[in-house]
Amino acid sequence: MYVRVFAALWLLACVGLGLIAWGFQAPFAYDPVGPRAYPLLLIILMACGSLWLLLKPKGEATPAFDWAMARRVGLCIAALLAYALLFEPLGFIVSTALAGFCIGLLFNGRLWACALSGVLLGVLLYALFDYALDVPLPLGVLRFLES
C-alpha cells in the first residue's frame, strides 16, 4: 500500500519536473540535443519505475518499517546532498570519490574496497566525460591537472 502511494506521489513529481525540464533552453546552440535531453531522459526513467510500482501485480508483502534502514536512507541522502554541495569547490574527481566511498560504506562495503572503488569511480568517470564525451567538469582542488 505505502509503495503504491509513494509511486503515485513520485509520478506526480516526475510530471512536475518534466514540465520544468521541458522549458530548458540554451541561449546558444552548444550541442545538437540541447540542455533538456539529459534531465528528460532521467525523468522518463523515474516515471517508468513509478508506473511499474503502481501497476505491478500484488507480490510480496511490504516489509515492516525498519529504523536501521531509515537511518541508512537518511545517510545516503546526506551523502548525495554533500556531493551536490561539494561538486564545485572540490571538483568532480574528489567529490565523486568521496560520495562513492561513503555510499559504498553504507552498503556494508569493506573500507579499502570502498576507498579504491570511490577513487576509480571519480577518475574513470572524469576521463569518460572529459575526454570521450567532451563534457567539461570542474577540477576543483585538482586544478593543477589542467593542461
N, C-alpha and C. Protein backbone atom coordinates (compact mmCIF):
# COMPACT_ATOMS: atom_id res chain seq x y z
N MET A 1 0.83 -1.19 0.00
CA MET A 1 0.00 0.00 0.00
C MET A 1 0.87 1.26 0.00
N TYR A 2 1.85 1.33 0.92
CA TYR A 2 2.70 2.51 1.01
C TYR A 2 3.56 2.66 -0.24
N VAL A 3 3.93 1.56 -0.83
CA VAL A 3 4.74 1.61 -2.04
C VAL A 3 3.95 2.26 -3.17
N ARG A 4 2.68 1.90 -3.29
CA ARG A 4 1.86 2.47 -4.35
C ARG A 4 1.58 3.96 -4.11
N VAL A 5 1.40 4.35 -2.86
CA VAL A 5 1.21 5.77 -2.55
C VAL A 5 2.48 6.54 -2.91
N PHE A 6 3.63 6.00 -2.51
CA PHE A 6 4.90 6.64 -2.84
C PHE A 6 5.06 6.73 -4.36
N ALA A 7 4.74 5.66 -5.08
CA ALA A 7 4.90 5.64 -6.53
C ALA A 7 3.99 6.68 -7.18
N ALA A 8 2.76 6.83 -6.68
CA ALA A 8 1.85 7.83 -7.24
C ALA A 8 2.38 9.24 -6.99
N LEU A 9 2.88 9.50 -5.79
CA LEU A 9 3.44 10.81 -5.49
C LEU A 9 4.69 11.08 -6.33
N TRP A 10 5.51 10.05 -6.49
CA TRP A 10 6.73 10.22 -7.28
C TRP A 10 6.39 10.45 -8.76
N LEU A 11 5.35 9.79 -9.24
CA LEU A 11 4.92 10.01 -10.63
C LEU A 11 4.44 11.45 -10.82
N LEU A 12 3.72 11.99 -9.84
CA LEU A 12 3.30 13.39 -9.91
C LEU A 12 4.51 14.31 -9.89
N ALA A 13 5.50 13.98 -9.07
CA ALA A 13 6.72 14.78 -9.03
C ALA A 13 7.44 14.71 -10.38
N CYS A 14 7.44 13.56 -11.01
CA CYS A 14 8.07 13.41 -12.33
C CYS A 14 7.37 14.27 -13.37
N VAL A 15 6.06 14.33 -13.30
CA VAL A 15 5.31 15.18 -14.24
C VAL A 15 5.70 16.64 -14.03
N GLY A 16 5.75 17.08 -12.78
CA GLY A 16 6.16 18.46 -12.50
C GLY A 16 7.58 18.75 -12.95
N LEU A 17 8.49 17.83 -12.65
CA LEU A 17 9.88 18.01 -13.07
C LEU A 17 10.00 17.99 -14.59
N GLY A 18 9.19 17.17 -15.24
CA GLY A 18 9.20 17.13 -16.70
C GLY A 18 8.76 18.45 -17.31
N LEU A 19 7.75 19.05 -16.71
CA LEU A 19 7.29 20.36 -17.20
C LEU A 19 8.37 21.42 -17.01
N ILE A 20 9.08 21.36 -15.91
CA ILE A 20 10.17 22.30 -15.67
C ILE A 20 11.30 22.06 -16.67
N ALA A 21 11.68 20.79 -16.84
CA ALA A 21 12.79 20.46 -17.73
C ALA A 21 12.47 20.77 -19.18
N TRP A 22 11.22 20.69 -19.56
CA TRP A 22 10.85 20.96 -20.95
C TRP A 22 11.18 22.40 -21.33
N GLY A 23 11.17 23.28 -20.35
CA GLY A 23 11.46 24.69 -20.61
C GLY A 23 12.94 25.03 -20.68
N PHE A 24 13.81 24.06 -20.43
CA PHE A 24 15.26 24.33 -20.50
C PHE A 24 15.65 24.66 -21.94
N GLN A 25 16.25 25.82 -22.11
CA GLN A 25 16.75 26.19 -23.43
C GLN A 25 18.05 26.94 -23.25
N ALA A 26 18.99 26.67 -24.12
CA ALA A 26 20.26 27.36 -24.08
C ALA A 26 20.18 28.62 -24.94
N PRO A 27 20.84 29.69 -24.51
CA PRO A 27 20.81 30.90 -25.32
C PRO A 27 21.60 30.75 -26.63
N PHE A 28 22.41 29.72 -26.72
CA PHE A 28 23.15 29.44 -27.94
C PHE A 28 23.21 27.93 -28.12
N ALA A 29 23.41 27.47 -29.31
CA ALA A 29 23.42 26.04 -29.61
C ALA A 29 24.81 25.48 -29.30
N TYR A 30 24.94 24.80 -28.17
CA TYR A 30 26.24 24.24 -27.80
C TYR A 30 26.31 22.75 -28.04
N ASP A 31 25.22 22.11 -28.27
CA ASP A 31 25.22 20.71 -28.70
C ASP A 31 23.91 20.43 -29.42
N PRO A 32 23.86 19.36 -30.20
CA PRO A 32 22.69 19.14 -31.06
C PRO A 32 21.39 18.88 -30.32
N VAL A 33 21.44 18.27 -29.13
CA VAL A 33 20.20 17.92 -28.45
C VAL A 33 19.74 18.98 -27.47
N GLY A 34 20.60 19.89 -27.07
CA GLY A 34 20.23 20.94 -26.14
C GLY A 34 20.28 20.48 -24.69
N PRO A 35 20.00 21.39 -23.76
CA PRO A 35 20.16 21.08 -22.34
C PRO A 35 19.03 20.27 -21.72
N ARG A 36 17.95 20.07 -22.43
CA ARG A 36 16.82 19.38 -21.81
C ARG A 36 16.86 17.86 -21.98
N ALA A 37 17.70 17.34 -22.84
CA ALA A 37 17.66 15.91 -23.15
C ALA A 37 18.02 15.06 -21.93
N TYR A 38 19.09 15.38 -21.25
CA TYR A 38 19.53 14.55 -20.11
C TYR A 38 18.52 14.58 -18.96
N PRO A 39 18.06 15.75 -18.50
CA PRO A 39 17.04 15.72 -17.44
C PRO A 39 15.77 14.99 -17.85
N LEU A 40 15.33 15.19 -19.09
CA LEU A 40 14.11 14.50 -19.53
C LEU A 40 14.30 12.99 -19.57
N LEU A 41 15.47 12.54 -19.99
CA LEU A 41 15.74 11.10 -20.00
C LEU A 41 15.66 10.52 -18.59
N LEU A 42 16.27 11.20 -17.63
CA LEU A 42 16.21 10.72 -16.25
C LEU A 42 14.78 10.73 -15.70
N ILE A 43 14.05 11.77 -16.03
CA ILE A 43 12.67 11.87 -15.55
C ILE A 43 11.81 10.77 -16.16
N ILE A 44 12.02 10.48 -17.44
CA ILE A 44 11.26 9.40 -18.08
C ILE A 44 11.58 8.06 -17.42
N LEU A 45 12.85 7.82 -17.12
CA LEU A 45 13.22 6.57 -16.44
C LEU A 45 12.58 6.48 -15.05
N MET A 46 12.59 7.59 -14.31
CA MET A 46 11.95 7.58 -12.99
C MET A 46 10.45 7.37 -13.10
N ALA A 47 9.82 7.98 -14.10
CA ALA A 47 8.38 7.80 -14.30
C ALA A 47 8.05 6.36 -14.66
N CYS A 48 8.91 5.73 -15.47
CA CYS A 48 8.69 4.31 -15.81
C CYS A 48 8.77 3.44 -14.56
N GLY A 49 9.73 3.72 -13.71
CA GLY A 49 9.84 2.98 -12.44
C GLY A 49 8.61 3.19 -11.56
N SER A 50 8.12 4.42 -11.51
CA SER A 50 6.91 4.70 -10.72
C SER A 50 5.71 3.97 -11.28
N LEU A 51 5.57 3.98 -12.60
CA LEU A 51 4.45 3.26 -13.22
C LEU A 51 4.54 1.76 -12.94
N TRP A 52 5.73 1.21 -13.00
CA TRP A 52 5.89 -0.21 -12.69
C TRP A 52 5.46 -0.51 -11.26
N LEU A 53 5.85 0.35 -10.31
CA LEU A 53 5.44 0.13 -8.93
C LEU A 53 3.93 0.27 -8.76
N LEU A 54 3.32 1.18 -9.51
CA LEU A 54 1.87 1.36 -9.42
C LEU A 54 1.10 0.20 -10.03
N LEU A 55 1.58 -0.33 -11.14
CA LEU A 55 0.81 -1.30 -11.91
C LEU A 55 1.22 -2.75 -11.69
N LYS A 56 2.29 -2.99 -10.95
CA LYS A 56 2.74 -4.38 -10.79
C LYS A 56 1.70 -5.18 -10.01
N PRO A 57 1.60 -6.46 -10.32
CA PRO A 57 0.65 -7.29 -9.58
C PRO A 57 1.08 -7.42 -8.13
N LYS A 58 0.12 -7.71 -7.32
CA LYS A 58 0.42 -7.85 -5.89
C LYS A 58 1.42 -8.98 -5.70
N GLY A 59 2.50 -8.64 -5.07
CA GLY A 59 3.58 -9.62 -4.86
C GLY A 59 3.84 -9.79 -3.38
N GLU A 60 5.09 -9.70 -3.05
CA GLU A 60 5.49 -9.87 -1.65
C GLU A 60 4.93 -8.73 -0.81
N ALA A 61 4.66 -9.03 0.43
CA ALA A 61 4.17 -8.01 1.34
C ALA A 61 5.27 -6.99 1.61
N THR A 62 4.88 -5.74 1.80
CA THR A 62 5.84 -4.70 2.12
C THR A 62 6.42 -4.98 3.49
N PRO A 63 7.75 -4.96 3.62
CA PRO A 63 8.33 -5.22 4.93
C PRO A 63 7.97 -4.13 5.93
N ALA A 64 8.00 -4.49 7.19
CA ALA A 64 7.70 -3.53 8.25
C ALA A 64 8.75 -2.43 8.27
N PHE A 65 8.39 -1.29 8.83
CA PHE A 65 9.31 -0.16 8.91
C PHE A 65 10.52 -0.55 9.75
N ASP A 66 11.69 -0.23 9.25
CA ASP A 66 12.93 -0.59 9.91
C ASP A 66 13.76 0.67 10.14
N TRP A 67 14.00 0.99 11.43
CA TRP A 67 14.73 2.21 11.76
C TRP A 67 16.17 2.17 11.25
N ALA A 68 16.78 1.01 11.24
CA ALA A 68 18.16 0.91 10.74
C ALA A 68 18.21 1.25 9.25
N MET A 69 17.25 0.75 8.50
CA MET A 69 17.20 1.07 7.07
C MET A 69 16.87 2.54 6.85
N ALA A 70 15.98 3.09 7.66
CA ALA A 70 15.65 4.52 7.54
C ALA A 70 16.89 5.37 7.83
N ARG A 71 17.71 4.95 8.78
CA ARG A 71 18.95 5.67 9.08
C ARG A 71 19.90 5.62 7.88
N ARG A 72 19.99 4.46 7.25
CA ARG A 72 20.84 4.32 6.06
C ARG A 72 20.35 5.20 4.92
N VAL A 73 19.05 5.23 4.73
CA VAL A 73 18.48 6.07 3.68
C VAL A 73 18.78 7.54 3.97
N GLY A 74 18.63 7.96 5.22
CA GLY A 74 18.95 9.33 5.60
C GLY A 74 20.42 9.66 5.37
N LEU A 75 21.30 8.73 5.72
CA LEU A 75 22.73 8.95 5.49
C LEU A 75 23.06 8.99 4.01
N CYS A 76 22.38 8.18 3.22
CA CYS A 76 22.58 8.19 1.76
C CYS A 76 22.14 9.53 1.18
N ILE A 77 21.01 10.04 1.63
CA ILE A 77 20.54 11.35 1.17
C ILE A 77 21.52 12.43 1.59
N ALA A 78 22.04 12.35 2.82
CA ALA A 78 23.03 13.32 3.28
C ALA A 78 24.31 13.25 2.43
N ALA A 79 24.74 12.05 2.08
CA ALA A 79 25.94 11.90 1.24
C ALA A 79 25.71 12.51 -0.14
N LEU A 80 24.53 12.29 -0.71
CA LEU A 80 24.24 12.86 -2.03
C LEU A 80 24.09 14.37 -1.97
N LEU A 81 23.55 14.89 -0.88
CA LEU A 81 23.46 16.34 -0.70
C LEU A 81 24.85 16.94 -0.56
N ALA A 82 25.70 16.29 0.23
CA ALA A 82 27.09 16.75 0.36
C ALA A 82 27.80 16.70 -0.99
N TYR A 83 27.53 15.67 -1.77
CA TYR A 83 28.11 15.56 -3.11
C TYR A 83 27.71 16.76 -3.97
N ALA A 84 26.44 17.11 -3.92
CA ALA A 84 25.97 18.25 -4.72
C ALA A 84 26.60 19.55 -4.24
N LEU A 85 26.75 19.72 -2.94
CA LEU A 85 27.32 20.96 -2.41
C LEU A 85 28.82 21.05 -2.61
N LEU A 86 29.51 19.93 -2.61
CA LEU A 86 30.97 19.93 -2.75
C LEU A 86 31.44 19.76 -4.19
N PHE A 87 30.52 19.59 -5.12
CA PHE A 87 30.87 19.33 -6.52
C PHE A 87 31.74 20.44 -7.11
N GLU A 88 31.34 21.67 -6.94
CA GLU A 88 32.12 22.80 -7.49
C GLU A 88 33.40 23.06 -6.70
N PRO A 89 33.33 23.20 -5.36
CA PRO A 89 34.57 23.55 -4.65
C PRO A 89 35.64 22.46 -4.68
N LEU A 90 35.26 21.21 -4.53
CA LEU A 90 36.25 20.14 -4.52
C LEU A 90 36.54 19.61 -5.91
N GLY A 91 35.60 19.76 -6.81
CA GLY A 91 35.75 19.25 -8.17
C GLY A 91 35.11 17.89 -8.31
N PHE A 92 34.98 17.46 -9.56
CA PHE A 92 34.28 16.22 -9.86
C PHE A 92 35.00 15.00 -9.29
N ILE A 93 36.29 14.90 -9.50
CA ILE A 93 37.02 13.69 -9.12
C ILE A 93 36.96 13.47 -7.61
N VAL A 94 37.29 14.49 -6.83
CA VAL A 94 37.34 14.33 -5.38
C VAL A 94 35.94 14.12 -4.80
N SER A 95 34.97 14.93 -5.24
CA SER A 95 33.62 14.79 -4.68
C SER A 95 32.99 13.45 -5.07
N THR A 96 33.24 12.97 -6.28
CA THR A 96 32.71 11.68 -6.70
C THR A 96 33.38 10.55 -5.93
N ALA A 97 34.69 10.66 -5.71
CA ALA A 97 35.40 9.64 -4.94
C ALA A 97 34.86 9.58 -3.50
N LEU A 98 34.64 10.73 -2.89
CA LEU A 98 34.10 10.75 -1.52
C LEU A 98 32.68 10.20 -1.47
N ALA A 99 31.85 10.58 -2.42
CA ALA A 99 30.47 10.08 -2.44
C ALA A 99 30.46 8.57 -2.67
N GLY A 100 31.26 8.09 -3.60
CA GLY A 100 31.33 6.65 -3.84
C GLY A 100 31.81 5.89 -2.62
N PHE A 101 32.80 6.45 -1.93
CA PHE A 101 33.32 5.83 -0.71
C PHE A 101 32.23 5.75 0.37
N CYS A 102 31.56 6.87 0.61
CA CYS A 102 30.53 6.91 1.65
C CYS A 102 29.36 5.98 1.35
N ILE A 103 28.90 5.99 0.12
CA ILE A 103 27.76 5.13 -0.24
C ILE A 103 28.17 3.66 -0.22
N GLY A 104 29.41 3.38 -0.61
CA GLY A 104 29.90 2.01 -0.50
C GLY A 104 29.90 1.52 0.94
N LEU A 105 30.31 2.38 1.87
CA LEU A 105 30.28 2.00 3.29
C LEU A 105 28.85 1.79 3.78
N LEU A 106 27.91 2.59 3.28
CA LEU A 106 26.51 2.42 3.67
C LEU A 106 25.96 1.07 3.24
N PHE A 107 26.51 0.52 2.16
CA PHE A 107 26.07 -0.79 1.69
C PHE A 107 26.97 -1.91 2.20
N ASN A 108 27.60 -1.67 3.33
CA ASN A 108 28.43 -2.65 4.05
C ASN A 108 29.66 -3.10 3.26
N GLY A 109 30.22 -2.18 2.48
CA GLY A 109 31.46 -2.49 1.77
C GLY A 109 32.64 -2.45 2.73
N ARG A 110 33.71 -3.15 2.34
CA ARG A 110 34.93 -3.09 3.13
C ARG A 110 35.62 -1.76 2.91
N LEU A 111 36.34 -1.28 3.91
CA LEU A 111 36.92 0.05 3.90
C LEU A 111 37.83 0.27 2.68
N TRP A 112 38.79 -0.63 2.47
CA TRP A 112 39.74 -0.45 1.37
C TRP A 112 39.07 -0.64 0.02
N ALA A 113 38.14 -1.54 -0.07
CA ALA A 113 37.43 -1.74 -1.34
C ALA A 113 36.60 -0.50 -1.68
N CYS A 114 35.96 0.11 -0.68
CA CYS A 114 35.17 1.32 -0.92
C CYS A 114 36.08 2.48 -1.31
N ALA A 115 37.22 2.60 -0.65
CA ALA A 115 38.15 3.68 -0.98
C ALA A 115 38.67 3.52 -2.41
N LEU A 116 39.08 2.32 -2.77
CA LEU A 116 39.60 2.08 -4.11
C LEU A 116 38.52 2.28 -5.17
N SER A 117 37.33 1.77 -4.93
CA SER A 117 36.27 1.92 -5.92
C SER A 117 35.83 3.38 -6.03
N GLY A 118 35.84 4.13 -4.93
CA GLY A 118 35.50 5.55 -5.00
C GLY A 118 36.49 6.33 -5.84
N VAL A 119 37.78 6.07 -5.63
CA VAL A 119 38.80 6.76 -6.41
C VAL A 119 38.70 6.37 -7.89
N LEU A 120 38.55 5.09 -8.16
CA LEU A 120 38.42 4.65 -9.56
C LEU A 120 37.17 5.24 -10.21
N LEU A 121 36.08 5.30 -9.46
CA LEU A 121 34.85 5.89 -9.98
C LEU A 121 35.07 7.34 -10.38
N GLY A 122 35.70 8.10 -9.50
CA GLY A 122 35.94 9.51 -9.79
C GLY A 122 36.85 9.71 -10.99
N VAL A 123 37.97 8.99 -11.02
CA VAL A 123 38.95 9.17 -12.10
C VAL A 123 38.41 8.67 -13.43
N LEU A 124 37.83 7.47 -13.45
CA LEU A 124 37.37 6.90 -14.71
C LEU A 124 36.16 7.65 -15.28
N LEU A 125 35.24 8.06 -14.41
CA LEU A 125 34.11 8.85 -14.92
C LEU A 125 34.57 10.21 -15.43
N TYR A 126 35.56 10.81 -14.75
CA TYR A 126 36.09 12.08 -15.25
C TYR A 126 36.70 11.88 -16.63
N ALA A 127 37.48 10.82 -16.79
CA ALA A 127 38.10 10.55 -18.09
C ALA A 127 37.03 10.32 -19.16
N LEU A 128 35.99 9.57 -18.81
CA LEU A 128 34.91 9.31 -19.76
C LEU A 128 34.24 10.61 -20.20
N PHE A 129 33.83 11.43 -19.24
CA PHE A 129 33.11 12.65 -19.57
C PHE A 129 34.01 13.68 -20.24
N ASP A 130 35.22 13.87 -19.72
CA ASP A 130 36.06 14.93 -20.23
C ASP A 130 36.70 14.59 -21.56
N TYR A 131 37.21 13.38 -21.70
CA TYR A 131 37.95 13.03 -22.91
C TYR A 131 37.07 12.36 -23.98
N ALA A 132 36.24 11.43 -23.57
CA ALA A 132 35.44 10.70 -24.57
C ALA A 132 34.20 11.49 -24.99
N LEU A 133 33.50 12.09 -24.03
CA LEU A 133 32.26 12.79 -24.34
C LEU A 133 32.43 14.30 -24.48
N ASP A 134 33.61 14.81 -24.17
CA ASP A 134 33.93 16.23 -24.28
C ASP A 134 32.99 17.10 -23.44
N VAL A 135 32.67 16.62 -22.23
CA VAL A 135 31.85 17.37 -21.29
C VAL A 135 32.78 17.96 -20.24
N PRO A 136 32.89 19.29 -20.18
CA PRO A 136 33.80 19.88 -19.19
C PRO A 136 33.25 19.72 -17.77
N LEU A 137 34.10 19.24 -16.88
CA LEU A 137 33.73 19.07 -15.48
C LEU A 137 34.71 19.86 -14.62
N PRO A 138 34.25 20.36 -13.46
CA PRO A 138 35.16 21.13 -12.62
C PRO A 138 36.24 20.25 -11.98
N LEU A 139 37.45 20.78 -11.93
CA LEU A 139 38.55 20.05 -11.28
C LEU A 139 38.68 20.43 -9.80
N GLY A 140 38.17 21.59 -9.41
CA GLY A 140 38.21 22.00 -8.01
C GLY A 140 39.62 22.07 -7.46
N VAL A 141 39.88 21.30 -6.42
CA VAL A 141 41.20 21.34 -5.76
C VAL A 141 42.29 20.72 -6.62
N LEU A 142 41.93 20.02 -7.69
CA LEU A 142 42.91 19.41 -8.58
C LEU A 142 43.15 20.24 -9.83
N ARG A 143 43.03 21.58 -9.72
CA ARG A 143 43.19 22.46 -10.87
C ARG A 143 44.57 22.34 -11.51
N PHE A 144 45.54 21.91 -10.74
CA PHE A 144 46.89 21.78 -11.28
C PHE A 144 46.98 20.74 -12.39
N LEU A 145 45.94 19.88 -12.54
CA LEU A 145 45.93 18.87 -13.59
C LEU A 145 45.54 19.43 -14.95
N GLU A 146 45.02 20.68 -14.97
CA GLU A 146 44.61 21.28 -16.24
C GLU A 146 45.82 21.48 -17.13
N SER A 147 45.63 21.20 -18.40
CA SER A 147 46.76 21.40 -19.33
C SER A 147 46.46 22.49 -20.33
